[in-house]
Amino acid sequence: MDESKHKGIESPEEIAALLEAVSDKLPKLVKNLLDSLYSPEAGMKMGRAVAEFRKALVEGGIPEAEATEMTKQYLSTMSLLSRETGQKIRVKTKEKESEEDDKE
């Protein structure tokens, strides 16, 4: 193998230590990410984004009824993306935890 690709990692023990550090920090990172998606602050930000979206539509000349329907679709899409992202993160986290349990 090309030694230049592996600068900074001297031994399998260093790789093991690096992987252990990552596995310790990853669950905390995922928890913080999920908290940011489902926190009251995240809800307020989404509400502001939806309001700004609707305001921009109306100010851009979109009729009220159409702006309302487009805003509903926007909110639905944003909610779906948030749920899907959260579900995928939770599944990956559970898979990781299961792998760690199997190692023990």
Foldseek 3Di string as FASTA:
>chain_A
DDVVVVPPDDDVVSVVVVVVVCLVCVVVVLVVVLCCLPPPVNVVVLVVVLVVQLVVCVVVPNDPVVSVVVSVVVSVVVVVVSVVVNVVSVVVVVVSVVVVVVVD
